[in-house]
Amino acid sequence: MNFGSLAGSIGQFVEKTRLVEQAKAADFAGLFANPWFLVPFIALVGYLLYKKAFRDIAILGILMAAWYATGTPYMQGMVVNGQLQINKILPVTFGGAVMLGLIVYLLLGRSD
């Protein structure tokens, strides 16, 4: 199986299941009011606290902050009338680089 046929089959799967439309229609704010998400999430955080995995908790917090930032009015205003606002790209790129650098440091940095 070559890469082209694999990518084509994944593309067909995503198109068939309408995954992109489902992600756009999801109510992410309501997710934290849903007990089917909230109970396992709290259990995961509790387990990480029990195991004293503060590095993993920090990574989880960074990912949640990035997820929250994508829904802010600043991010919603990056594309106006189909045009990307160039003056807003640099802060987002810098913030993403800082977050990625912090995650890489937490994963590959010294572990005491």
PDB file of N, CA and C in Angstrom:
ATOM      1  N   MET A   1       0.854  -1.173   0.000  1.00  0.00           N
ATOM      2  CA  MET A   1       0.000   0.000   0.000  1.00  0.00           C
ATOM      3  C   MET A   1       0.896   1.232   0.000  1.00  0.00           C
ATOM      4  N   ASN A   2       0.695   2.106  -0.951  1.00  0.00           N
ATOM      5  CA  ASN A   2       1.515   3.314  -1.009  1.00  0.00           C
ATOM      6  C   ASN A   2       0.817   4.463  -0.286  1.00  0.00           C
ATOM      7  N   PHE A   3       1.567   5.551  -0.141  1.00  0.00           N
ATOM      8  CA  PHE A   3       1.060   6.691   0.622  1.00  0.00           C
ATOM      9  C   PHE A   3      -0.149   7.333  -0.051  1.00  0.00           C
ATOM     10  N   GLY A   4      -0.162   7.381  -1.373  1.00  0.00           N
ATOM     11  CA  GLY A   4      -1.268   8.012  -2.101  1.00  0.00           C
ATOM     12  C   GLY A   4      -2.594   7.308  -1.857  1.00  0.00           C
ATOM     13  N   SER A   5      -2.584   5.977  -1.889  1.00  0.00           N
ATOM     14  CA  SER A   5      -3.835   5.253  -1.669  1.00  0.00           C
ATOM     15  C   SER A   5      -4.263   5.338  -0.201  1.00  0.00           C
ATOM     16  N   LEU A   6      -3.290   5.383   0.711  1.00  0.00           N
ATOM     17  CA  LEU A   6      -3.614   5.526   2.129  1.00  0.00           C
ATOM     18  C   LEU A   6      -4.234   6.896   2.397  1.00  0.00           C
ATOM     19  N   ALA A   7      -3.635   7.941   1.834  1.00  0.00           N
ATOM     20  CA  ALA A   7      -4.176   9.293   2.013  1.00  0.00           C
ATOM     21  C   ALA A   7      -5.547   9.403   1.370  1.00  0.00           C
ATOM     22  N   GLY A   8      -5.735   8.766   0.226  1.00  0.00           N
ATOM     23  CA  GLY A   8      -7.036   8.791  -0.441  1.00  0.00           C
ATOM     24  C   GLY A   8      -8.101   8.086   0.385  1.00  0.00           C
ATOM     25  N   SER A   9      -7.763   6.963   0.977  1.00  0.00           N
ATOM     26  CA  SER A   9      -8.742   6.232   1.782  1.00  0.00           C
ATOM     27  C   SER A   9      -9.076   6.992   3.059  1.00  0.00           C
ATOM     28  N   ILE A  10      -8.074   7.670   3.655  1.00  0.00           N
ATOM     29  CA  ILE A  10      -8.354   8.491   4.839  1.00  0.00           C
ATOM     30  C   ILE A  10      -9.239   9.667   4.451  1.00  0.00           C
ATOM     31  N   GLY A  11      -8.946  10.279   3.316  1.00  0.00           N
ATOM     32  CA  GLY A  11      -9.779  11.385   2.830  1.00  0.00           C
ATOM     33  C   GLY A  11     -11.207  10.950   2.570  1.00  0.00           C
ATOM     34  N   GLN A  12     -11.388   9.781   1.986  1.00  0.00           N
ATOM     35  CA  GLN A  12     -12.738   9.264   1.753  1.00  0.00           C
ATOM     36  C   GLN A  12     -13.457   8.999   3.065  1.00  0.00           C
ATOM     37  N   PHE A  13     -12.732   8.480   4.060  1.00  0.00           N
ATOM     38  CA  PHE A  13     -13.333   8.220   5.364  1.00  0.00           C
ATOM     39  C   PHE A  13     -13.803   9.519   6.014  1.00  0.00           C
ATOM     40  N   VAL A  14     -12.947  10.549   5.979  1.00  0.00           N
ATOM     41  CA  VAL A  14     -13.304  11.837   6.579  1.00  0.00           C
ATOM     42  C   VAL A  14     -14.495  12.448   5.844  1.00  0.00           C
ATOM     43  N   GLU A  15     -14.506  12.333   4.513  1.00  0.00           N
ATOM     44  CA  GLU A  15     -15.621  12.873   3.734  1.00  0.00           C
ATOM     45  C   GLU A  15     -16.903  12.089   3.988  1.00  0.00           C
ATOM     46  N   LYS A  16     -16.808  10.782   4.092  1.00  0.00           N
ATOM     47  CA  LYS A  16     -17.984   9.933   4.291  1.00  0.00           C
ATOM     48  C   LYS A  16     -18.613  10.170   5.663  1.00  0.00           C
ATOM     49  N   THR A  17     -17.785  10.348   6.687  1.00  0.00           N
ATOM     50  CA  THR A  17     -18.311  10.529   8.045  1.00  0.00           C
ATOM     51  C   THR A  17     -18.637  11.987   8.352  1.00  0.00           C
ATOM     52  N   ARG A  18     -18.320  12.902   7.426  1.00  0.00           N
ATOM     53  CA  ARG A  18     -18.562  14.346   7.597  1.00  0.00           C
ATOM     54  C   ARG A  18     -17.944  14.835   8.907  1.00  0.00           C
ATOM     55  N   LEU A  19     -16.723  14.440   9.141  1.00  0.00           N
ATOM     56  CA  LEU A  19     -16.013  14.757  10.374  1.00  0.00           C
ATOM     57  C   LEU A  19     -15.772  16.255  10.531  1.00  0.00           C
ATOM     58  N   VAL A  20     -15.456  16.934   9.442  1.00  0.00           N
ATOM     59  CA  VAL A  20     -15.187  18.372   9.504  1.00  0.00           C
ATOM     60  C   VAL A  20     -16.452  19.137   9.892  1.00  0.00           C
ATOM     61  N   GLU A  21     -17.582  18.787   9.301  1.00  0.00           N
ATOM     62  CA  GLU A  21     -18.831  19.462   9.638  1.00  0.00           C
ATOM     63  C   GLU A  21     -19.239  19.204  11.083  1.00  0.00           C
ATOM     64  N   GLN A  22     -18.987  17.986  11.561  1.00  0.00           N
ATOM     65  CA  GLN A  22     -19.312  17.666  12.944  1.00  0.00           C
ATOM     66  C   GLN A  22     -18.441  18.463  13.910  1.00  0.00           C
ATOM     67  N   ALA A  23     -17.176  18.651  13.583  1.00  0.00           N
ATOM     68  CA  ALA A  23     -16.285  19.424  14.452  1.00  0.00           C
ATOM     69  C   ALA A  23     -16.692  20.890  14.476  1.00  0.00           C
ATOM     70  N   LYS A  24     -17.132  21.420  13.332  1.00  0.00           N
ATOM     71  CA  LYS A  24     -17.568  22.818  13.285  1.00  0.00           C
ATOM     72  C   LYS A  24     -18.864  23.023  14.048  1.00  0.00           C
ATOM     73  N   ALA A  25     -19.722  22.024  14.080  1.00  0.00           N
ATOM     74  CA  ALA A  25     -21.009  22.150  14.745  1.00  0.00           C
ATOM     75  C   ALA A  25     -20.956  21.804  16.233  1.00  0.00           C
ATOM     76  N   ALA A  26     -19.816  21.367  16.721  1.00  0.00           N
ATOM     77  CA  ALA A  26     -19.695  20.955  18.124  1.00  0.00           C
ATOM     78  C   ALA A  26     -19.796  22.166  19.052  1.00  0.00           C
ATOM     79  N   ASP A  27     -20.424  21.961  20.189  1.00  0.00           N
ATOM     80  CA  ASP A  27     -20.552  23.002  21.205  1.00  0.00           C
ATOM     81  C   ASP A  27     -19.493  22.745  22.266  1.00  0.00           C
ATOM     82  N   PHE A  28     -18.328  23.372  22.090  1.00  0.00           N
ATOM     83  CA  PHE A  28     -17.211  23.111  22.987  1.00  0.00           C
ATOM     84  C   PHE A  28     -17.438  23.706  24.370  1.00  0.00           C
ATOM     85  N   ALA A  29     -18.189  24.805  24.451  1.00  0.00           N
ATOM     86  CA  ALA A  29     -18.478  25.389  25.770  1.00  0.00           C
ATOM     87  C   ALA A  29     -19.375  24.447  26.575  1.00  0.00           C
ATOM     88  N   GLY A  30     -20.289  23.797  25.898  1.00  0.00           N
ATOM     89  CA  GLY A  30     -21.173  22.863  26.572  1.00  0.00           C
ATOM     90  C   GLY A  30     -20.492  21.557  26.941  1.00  0.00           C
ATOM     91  N   LEU A  31     -19.308  21.344  26.387  1.00  0.00           N
ATOM     92  CA  LEU A  31     -18.580  20.103  26.673  1.00  0.00           C
ATOM     93  C   LEU A  31     -18.253  19.982  28.149  1.00  0.00           C
ATOM     94  N   PHE A  32     -17.879  21.104  28.786  1.00  0.00           N
ATOM     95  CA  PHE A  32     -17.507  21.043  30.195  1.00  0.00           C
ATOM     96  C   PHE A  32     -18.716  21.034  31.117  1.00  0.00           C
ATOM     97  N   ALA A  33     -19.911  21.134  30.563  1.00  0.00           N
ATOM     98  CA  ALA A  33     -21.123  20.952  31.352  1.00  0.00           C
ATOM     99  C   ALA A  33     -21.680  19.542  31.180  1.00  0.00           C
ATOM    100  N   ASN A  34     -21.098  18.778  30.285  1.00  0.00           N
ATOM    101  CA  ASN A  34     -21.549  17.425  29.992  1.00  0.00           C
ATOM    102  C   ASN A  34     -20.853  16.442  30.933  1.00  0.00           C
ATOM    103  N   PRO A  35     -21.614  15.725  31.751  1.00  0.00           N
ATOM    104  CA  PRO A  35     -20.983  14.792  32.691  1.00  0.00           C
ATOM    105  C   PRO A  35     -20.262  13.633  32.000  1.00  0.00           C
ATOM    106  N   TRP A  36     -20.643  13.272  30.774  1.00  0.00           N
ATOM    107  CA  TRP A  36     -19.970  12.185  30.068  1.00  0.00           C
ATOM    108  C   TRP A  36     -18.551  12.585  29.682  1.00  0.00           C
ATOM    109  N   PHE A  37     -18.264  13.875  29.609  1.00  0.00           N
ATOM    110  CA  PHE A  37     -16.900  14.341  29.383  1.00  0.00           C
ATOM    111  C   PHE A  37     -16.242  14.744  30.696  1.00  0.00           C
ATOM    112  N   LEU A  38     -16.991  15.408  31.549  1.00  0.00           N
ATOM    113  CA  LEU A  38     -16.429  16.009  32.750  1.00  0.00           C
ATOM    114  C   LEU A  38     -15.938  14.969  33.763  1.00  0.00           C
ATOM    115  N   VAL A  39     -16.682  13.891  33.954  1.00  0.00           N
ATOM    116  CA  VAL A  39     -16.287  12.877  34.937  1.00  0.00           C
ATOM    117  C   VAL A  39     -14.968  12.198  34.538  1.00  0.00           C
ATOM    118  N   PRO A  40     -14.818  11.721  33.295  1.00  0.00           N
ATOM    119  CA  PRO A  40     -13.515  11.136  32.942  1.00  0.00           C
ATOM    120  C   PRO A  40     -12.379  12.161  32.958  1.00  0.00           C
ATOM    121  N   PHE A  41     -12.673  13.414  32.595  1.00  0.00           N
ATOM    122  CA  PHE A  41     -11.642  14.442  32.610  1.00  0.00           C
ATOM    123  C   PHE A  41     -11.165  14.706  34.034  1.00  0.00           C
ATOM    124  N   ILE A  42     -12.084  14.831  34.968  1.00  0.00           N
ATOM    125  CA  ILE A  42     -11.722  15.037  36.377  1.00  0.00           C
ATOM    126  C   ILE A  42     -10.987  13.807  36.918  1.00  0.00           C
ATOM    127  N   ALA A  43     -11.416  12.618  36.488  1.00  0.00           N
ATOM    128  CA  ALA A  43     -10.727  11.399  36.916  1.00  0.00           C
ATOM    129  C   ALA A  43      -9.288  11.386  36.378  1.00  0.00           C
ATOM    130  N   LEU A  44      -9.085  11.840  35.141  1.00  0.00           N
ATOM    131  CA  LEU A  44      -7.737  11.899  34.580  1.00  0.00           C
ATOM    132  C   LEU A  44      -6.869  12.879  35.364  1.00  0.00           C
ATOM    133  N   VAL A  45      -7.401  14.065  35.657  1.00  0.00           N
ATOM    134  CA  VAL A  45      -6.629  15.055  36.414  1.00  0.00           C
ATOM    135  C   VAL A  45      -6.344  14.530  37.822  1.00  0.00           C
ATOM    136  N   GLY A  46      -7.323  13.891  38.444  1.00  0.00           N
ATOM    137  CA  GLY A  46      -7.100  13.303  39.764  1.00  0.00           C
ATOM    138  C   GLY A  46      -6.046  12.214  39.735  1.00  0.00           C
ATOM    139  N   TYR A  47      -6.067  11.380  38.715  1.00  0.00           N
ATOM    140  CA  TYR A  47      -5.069  10.329  38.578  1.00  0.00           C
ATOM    141  C   TYR A  47      -3.675  10.927  38.388  1.00  0.00           C
ATOM    142  N   LEU A  48      -3.583  11.971  37.559  1.00  0.00           N
ATOM    143  CA  LEU A  48      -2.293  12.608  37.339  1.00  0.00           C
ATOM    144  C   LEU A  48      -1.774  13.270  38.617  1.00  0.00           C
ATOM    145  N   LEU A  49      -2.679  13.838  39.405  1.00  0.00           N
ATOM    146  CA  LEU A  49      -2.267  14.399  40.696  1.00  0.00           C
ATOM    147  C   LEU A  49      -1.799  13.297  41.639  1.00  0.00           C
ATOM    148  N   TYR A  50      -2.509  12.179  41.663  1.00  0.00           N
ATOM    149  CA  TYR A  50      -2.141  11.046  42.510  1.00  0.00           C
ATOM    150  C   TYR A  50      -0.756  10.513  42.136  1.00  0.00           C
ATOM    151  N   LYS A  51      -0.479  10.432  40.833  1.00  0.00           N
ATOM    152  CA  LYS A  51       0.813   9.937  40.360  1.00  0.00           C
ATOM    153  C   LYS A  51       1.890  11.015  40.416  1.00  0.00           C
ATOM    154  N   LYS A  52       1.496  12.229  40.819  1.00  0.00           N
ATOM    155  CA  LYS A  52       2.410  13.384  40.884  1.00  0.00           C
ATOM    156  C   LYS A  52       3.066  13.646  39.532  1.00  0.00           C
ATOM    157  N   ALA A  53       2.272  13.543  38.476  1.00  0.00           N
ATOM    158  CA  ALA A  53       2.737  13.776  37.109  1.00  0.00           C
ATOM    159  C   ALA A  53       2.457  15.232  36.739  1.00  0.00           C
ATOM    160  N   PHE A  54       3.187  16.135  37.392  1.00  0.00           N
ATOM    161  CA  PHE A  54       2.948  17.559  37.185  1.00  0.00           C
ATOM    162  C   PHE A  54       3.335  18.001  35.778  1.00  0.00           C
ATOM    163  N   ARG A  55       4.296  17.317  35.180  1.00  0.00           N
ATOM    164  CA  ARG A  55       4.663  17.629  33.802  1.00  0.00           C
ATOM    165  C   ARG A  55       3.481  17.359  32.872  1.00  0.00           C
ATOM    166  N   ASP A  56       2.807  16.238  33.056  1.00  0.00           N
ATOM    167  CA  ASP A  56       1.662  15.900  32.221  1.00  0.00           C
ATOM    168  C   ASP A  56       0.489  16.845  32.477  1.00  0.00           C
ATOM    169  N   ILE A  57       0.318  17.268  33.718  1.00  0.00           N
ATOM    170  CA  ILE A  57      -0.737  18.232  34.027  1.00  0.00           C
ATOM    171  C   ILE A  57      -0.431  19.564  33.350  1.00  0.00           C
ATOM    172  N   ALA A  58       0.836  19.967  33.339  1.00  0.00           N
ATOM    173  CA  ALA A  58       1.221  21.218  32.680  1.00  0.00           C
ATOM    174  C   ALA A  58       0.977  21.128  31.176  1.00  0.00           C
ATOM    175  N   ILE A  59       1.308  20.004  30.565  1.00  0.00           N
ATOM    176  CA  ILE A  59       1.069  19.826  29.126  1.00  0.00           C
ATOM    177  C   ILE A  59      -0.423  19.848  28.839  1.00  0.00           C
ATOM    178  N   LEU A  60      -1.208  19.199  29.670  1.00  0.00           N
ATOM    179  CA  LEU A  60      -2.661  19.205  29.503  1.00  0.00           C
ATOM    180  C   LEU A  60      -3.203  20.631  29.626  1.00  0.00           C
ATOM    181  N   GLY A  61      -2.678  21.391  30.573  1.00  0.00           N
ATOM    182  CA  GLY A  61      -3.103  22.781  30.735  1.00  0.00           C
ATOM    183  C   GLY A  61      -2.728  23.640  29.536  1.00  0.00           C
ATOM    184  N   ILE A  62      -1.529  23.425  28.973  1.00  0.00           N
ATOM    185  CA  ILE A  62      -1.107  24.172  27.797  1.00  0.00           C
ATOM    186  C   ILE A  62      -2.008  23.862  26.609  1.00  0.00           C
ATOM    187  N   LEU A  63      -2.330  22.592  26.421  1.00  0.00           N
ATOM    188  CA  LEU A  63      -3.202  22.212  25.311  1.00  0.00           C
ATOM    189  C   LEU A  63      -4.611  22.769  25.489  1.00  0.00           C
ATOM    190  N   MET A  64      -5.097  22.784  26.718  1.00  0.00           N
ATOM    191  CA  MET A  64      -6.426  23.356  26.962  1.00  0.00           C
ATOM    192  C   MET A  64      -6.412  24.871  26.751  1.00  0.00           C
ATOM    193  N   ALA A  65      -5.318  25.543  27.113  1.00  0.00           N
ATOM    194  CA  ALA A  65      -5.213  26.985  26.883  1.00  0.00           C
ATOM    195  C   ALA A  65      -5.194  27.291  25.389  1.00  0.00           C
ATOM    196  N   ALA A  66      -4.486  26.482  24.622  1.00  0.00           N
ATOM    197  CA  ALA A  66      -4.460  26.672  23.172  1.00  0.00           C
ATOM    198  C   ALA A  66      -5.845  26.435  22.576  1.00  0.00           C
ATOM    199  N   TRP A  67      -6.526  25.412  23.081  1.00  0.00           N
ATOM    200  CA  TRP A  67      -7.875  25.120  22.608  1.00  0.00           C
ATOM    201  C   TRP A  67      -8.820  26.272  22.945  1.00  0.00           C
ATOM    202  N   TYR A  68      -8.694  26.837  24.139  1.00  0.00           N
ATOM    203  CA  TYR A  68      -9.516  27.975  24.534  1.00  0.00           C
ATOM    204  C   TYR A  68      -9.201  29.198  23.664  1.00  0.00           C
ATOM    205  N   ALA A  69      -7.922  29.406  23.364  1.00  0.00           N
ATOM    206  CA  ALA A  69      -7.519  30.583  22.591  1.00  0.00           C
ATOM    207  C   ALA A  69      -8.089  30.556  21.178  1.00  0.00           C
ATOM    208  N   THR A  70      -8.343  29.376  20.636  1.00  0.00           N
ATOM    209  CA  THR A  70      -8.888  29.308  19.282  1.00  0.00           C
ATOM    210  C   THR A  70     -10.318  29.827  19.209  1.00  0.00           C
ATOM    211  N   GLY A  71     -11.001  29.923  20.324  1.00  0.00           N
ATOM    212  CA  GLY A  71     -12.379  30.408  20.322  1.00  0.00           C
ATOM    213  C   GLY A  71     -12.520  31.865  20.713  1.00  0.00           C
ATOM    214  N   THR A  72     -11.416  32.569  20.935  1.00  0.00           N
ATOM    215  CA  THR A  72     -11.490  33.967  21.352  1.00  0.00           C
ATOM    216  C   THR A  72     -11.853  34.860  20.164  1.00  0.00           C
ATOM    217  N   PRO A  73     -12.391  36.041  20.453  1.00  0.00           N
ATOM    218  CA  PRO A  73     -12.723  36.970  19.364  1.00  0.00           C
ATOM    219  C   PRO A  73     -11.500  37.364  18.530  1.00  0.00           C
ATOM    220  N   TYR A  74     -10.324  37.404  19.143  1.00  0.00           N
ATOM    221  CA  TYR A  74      -9.106  37.723  18.390  1.00  0.00           C
ATOM    222  C   TYR A  74      -8.885  36.705  17.276  1.00  0.00           C
ATOM    223  N   MET A  75      -9.028  35.426  17.616  1.00  0.00           N
ATOM    224  CA  MET A  75      -8.812  34.380  16.620  1.00  0.00           C
ATOM    225  C   MET A  75      -9.933  34.378  15.580  1.00  0.00           C
ATOM    226  N   GLN A  76     -11.154  34.697  16.015  1.00  0.00           N
ATOM    227  CA  GLN A  76     -12.271  34.734  15.080  1.00  0.00           C
ATOM    228  C   GLN A  76     -12.107  35.878  14.078  1.00  0.00           C
ATOM    229  N   GLY A  77     -11.396  36.919  14.478  1.00  0.00           N
ATOM    230  CA  GLY A  77     -11.200  38.055  13.598  1.00  0.00           C
ATOM    231  C   GLY A  77      -9.971  37.972  12.718  1.00  0.00           C
ATOM    232  N   MET A  78      -9.302  36.836  12.698  1.00  0.00           N
ATOM    233  CA  MET A  78      -8.111  36.704  11.855  1.00  0.00           C
ATOM    234  C   MET A  78      -8.453  36.664  10.375  1.00  0.00           C
ATOM    235  N   VAL A  79      -9.631  36.168  10.048  1.00  0.00           N
ATOM    236  CA  VAL A  79     -10.065  36.133   8.652  1.00  0.00           C
ATOM    237  C   VAL A  79     -11.302  37.019   8.543  1.00  0.00           C
ATOM    238  N   VAL A  80     -11.180  38.089   7.749  1.00  0.00           N
ATOM    239  CA  VAL A  80     -12.277  39.022   7.546  1.00  0.00           C
ATOM    240  C   VAL A  80     -12.587  39.061   6.058  1.00  0.00           C
ATOM    241  N   ASN A  81     -13.824  38.744   5.706  1.00  0.00           N
ATOM    242  CA  ASN A  81     -14.272  38.713   4.306  1.00  0.00           C
ATOM    243  C   ASN A  81     -13.387  37.822   3.440  1.00  0.00           C
ATOM    244  N   GLY A  82     -12.964  36.714   3.987  1.00  0.00           N
ATOM    245  CA  GLY A  82     -12.143  35.764   3.249  1.00  0.00           C
ATOM    246  C   GLY A  82     -10.686  36.158   3.136  1.00  0.00           C
ATOM    247  N   GLN A  83     -10.272  37.250   3.769  1.00  0.00           N
ATOM    248  CA  GLN A  83      -8.893  37.707   3.715  1.00  0.00           C
ATOM    249  C   GLN A  83      -8.224  37.515   5.073  1.00  0.00           C
ATOM    250  N   LEU A  84      -7.061  36.910   5.074  1.00  0.00           N
ATOM    251  CA  LEU A  84      -6.292  36.704   6.293  1.00  0.00           C
ATOM    252  C   LEU A  84      -5.661  38.023   6.709  1.00  0.00           C
ATOM    253  N   GLN A  85      -5.831  38.399   7.968  1.00  0.00           N
ATOM    254  CA  GLN A  85      -5.278  39.648   8.482  1.00  0.00           C
ATOM    255  C   GLN A  85      -3.819  39.422   8.855  1.00  0.00           C
ATOM    256  N   ILE A  86      -2.933  39.960   8.041  1.00  0.00           N
ATOM    257  CA  ILE A  86      -1.502  39.734   8.195  1.00  0.00           C
ATOM    258  C   ILE A  86      -0.991  40.271   9.533  1.00  0.00           C
ATOM    259  N   ASN A  87      -1.533  41.385  10.007  1.00  0.00           N
ATOM    260  CA  ASN A  87      -1.035  41.980  11.248  1.00  0.00           C
ATOM    261  C   ASN A  87      -1.366  41.146  12.481  1.00  0.00           C
ATOM    262  N   LYS A  88      -2.214  40.160  12.350  1.00  0.00           N
ATOM    263  CA  LYS A  88      -2.562  39.309  13.494  1.00  0.00           C
ATOM    264  C   LYS A  88      -1.824  37.984  13.496  1.00  0.00           C
ATOM    265  N   ILE A  89      -1.072  37.698  12.462  1.00  0.00           N
ATOM    266  CA  ILE A  89      -0.406  36.400  12.359  1.00  0.00           C
ATOM    267  C   ILE A  89       0.791  36.291  13.298  1.00  0.00           C
ATOM    268  N   LEU A  90       1.597  37.352  13.402  1.00  0.00           N
ATOM    269  CA  LEU A  90       2.830  37.288  14.181  1.00  0.00           C
ATOM    270  C   LEU A  90       2.598  36.957  15.658  1.00  0.00           C
ATOM    271  N   PRO A  91       1.647  37.589  16.358  1.00  0.00           N
ATOM    272  CA  PRO A  91       1.432  37.200  17.763  1.00  0.00           C
ATOM    273  C   PRO A  91       0.964  35.751  17.921  1.00  0.00           C
ATOM    274  N   VAL A  92       0.140  35.284  17.004  1.00  0.00           N
ATOM    275  CA  VAL A  92      -0.335  33.896  17.085  1.00  0.00           C
ATOM    276  C   VAL A  92       0.820  32.932  16.830  1.00  0.00           C
ATOM    277  N   THR A  93       1.654  33.251  15.852  1.00  0.00           N
ATOM    278  CA  THR A  93       2.811  32.402  15.556  1.00  0.00           C
ATOM    279  C   THR A  93       3.778  32.386  16.729  1.00  0.00           C
ATOM    280  N   PHE A  94       4.042  33.550  17.322  1.00  0.00           N
ATOM    281  CA  PHE A  94       4.945  33.625  18.464  1.00  0.00           C
ATOM    282  C   PHE A  94       4.380  32.836  19.655  1.00  0.00           C
ATOM    283  N   GLY A  95       3.092  32.999  19.924  1.00  0.00           N
ATOM    284  CA  GLY A  95       2.467  32.258  21.026  1.00  0.00           C
ATOM    285  C   GLY A  95       2.507  30.761  20.800  1.00  0.00           C
ATOM    286  N   GLY A  96       2.253  30.338  19.566  1.00  0.00           N
ATOM    287  CA  GLY A  96       2.321  28.911  19.252  1.00  0.00           C
ATOM    288  C   GLY A  96       3.726  28.364  19.390  1.00  0.00           C
ATOM    289  N   ALA A  97       4.718  29.154  18.984  1.00  0.00           N
ATOM    290  CA  ALA A  97       6.108  28.716  19.108  1.00  0.00           C
ATOM    291  C   ALA A  97       6.509  28.598  20.580  1.00  0.00           C
ATOM    292  N   VAL A  98       6.056  29.534  21.407  1.00  0.00           N
ATOM    293  CA  VAL A  98       6.359  29.473  22.837  1.00  0.00           C
ATOM    294  C   VAL A  98       5.717  28.236  23.458  1.00  0.00           C
ATOM    295  N   MET A  99       4.449  27.978  23.125  1.00  0.00           N
ATOM    296  CA  MET A  99       3.764  26.800  23.663  1.00  0.00           C
ATOM    297  C   MET A  99       4.452  25.514  23.209  1.00  0.00           C
ATOM    298  N   LEU A 100       4.798  25.442  21.937  1.00  0.00           N
ATOM    299  CA  LEU A 100       5.462  24.252  21.421  1.00  0.00           C
ATOM    300  C   LEU A 100       6.834  24.075  22.064  1.00  0.00           C
ATOM    301  N   GLY A 101       7.566  25.174  22.226  1.00  0.00           N
ATOM    302  CA  GLY A 101       8.872  25.098  22.883  1.00  0.00           C
ATOM    303  C   GLY A 101       8.757  24.632  24.319  1.00  0.00           C
ATOM    304  N   LEU A 102       7.740  25.105  25.022  1.00  0.00           N
ATOM    305  CA  LEU A 102       7.531  24.686  26.406  1.00  0.00           C
ATOM    306  C   LEU A 102       7.193  23.200  26.490  1.00  0.00           C
ATOM    307  N   ILE A 103       6.364  22.727  25.580  1.00  0.00           N
ATOM    308  CA  ILE A 103       6.019  21.299  25.571  1.00  0.00           C
ATOM    309  C   ILE A 103       7.251  20.453  25.263  1.00  0.00           C
ATOM    310  N   VAL A 104       8.049  20.882  24.281  1.00  0.00           N
ATOM    311  CA  VAL A 104       9.264  20.129  23.957  1.00  0.00           C
ATOM    312  C   VAL A 104      10.210  20.127  25.150  1.00  0.00           C
ATOM    313  N   TYR A 105      10.350  21.264  25.824  1.00  0.00           N
ATOM    314  CA  TYR A 105      11.215  21.314  27.003  1.00  0.00           C
ATOM    315  C   TYR A 105      10.701  20.377  28.099  1.00  0.00           C
ATOM    316  N   LEU A 106       9.378  20.377  28.304  1.00  0.00           N
ATOM    317  CA  LEU A 106       8.825  19.511  29.344  1.00  0.00           C
ATOM    318  C   LEU A 106       9.012  18.032  29.000  1.00  0.00           C
ATOM    319  N   LEU A 107       8.931  17.693  27.724  1.00  0.00           N
ATOM    320  CA  LEU A 107       9.083  16.294  27.339  1.00  0.00           C
ATOM    321  C   LEU A 107      10.537  15.851  27.239  1.00  0.00           C
ATOM    322  N   LEU A 108      11.413  16.722  26.760  1.00  0.00           N
ATOM    323  CA  LEU A 108      12.793  16.311  26.513  1.00  0.00           C
ATOM    324  C   LEU A 108      13.794  16.950  27.445  1.00  0.00           C
ATOM    325  N   GLY A 109      13.361  17.912  28.241  1.00  0.00           N
ATOM    326  CA  GLY A 109      14.272  18.580  29.157  1.00  0.00           C
ATOM    327  C   GLY A 109      14.674  17.680  30.306  1.00  0.00           C
ATOM    328  N   ARG A 110      15.406  18.265  31.231  1.00  0.00           N
ATOM    329  CA  ARG A 110      15.846  17.442  32.363  1.00  0.00           C
ATOM    330  C   ARG A 110      14.661  17.014  33.214  1.00  0.00           C
ATOM    331  N   SER A 111      14.795  15.853  33.747  1.00  0.00           N
ATOM    332  CA  SER A 111      13.726  15.325  34.592  1.00  0.00           C
ATOM    333  C   SER A 111      14.303  15.044  35.970  1.00  0.00           C
ATOM    334  N   ASP A 112      13.885  15.833  36.925  1.00  0.00           N
ATOM    335  CA  ASP A 112      14.378  15.661  38.304  1.00  0.00           C
ATOM    336  C   ASP A 112      13.466  14.776  39.099  1.00  0.00           C
TER     337      ASP A 112
END
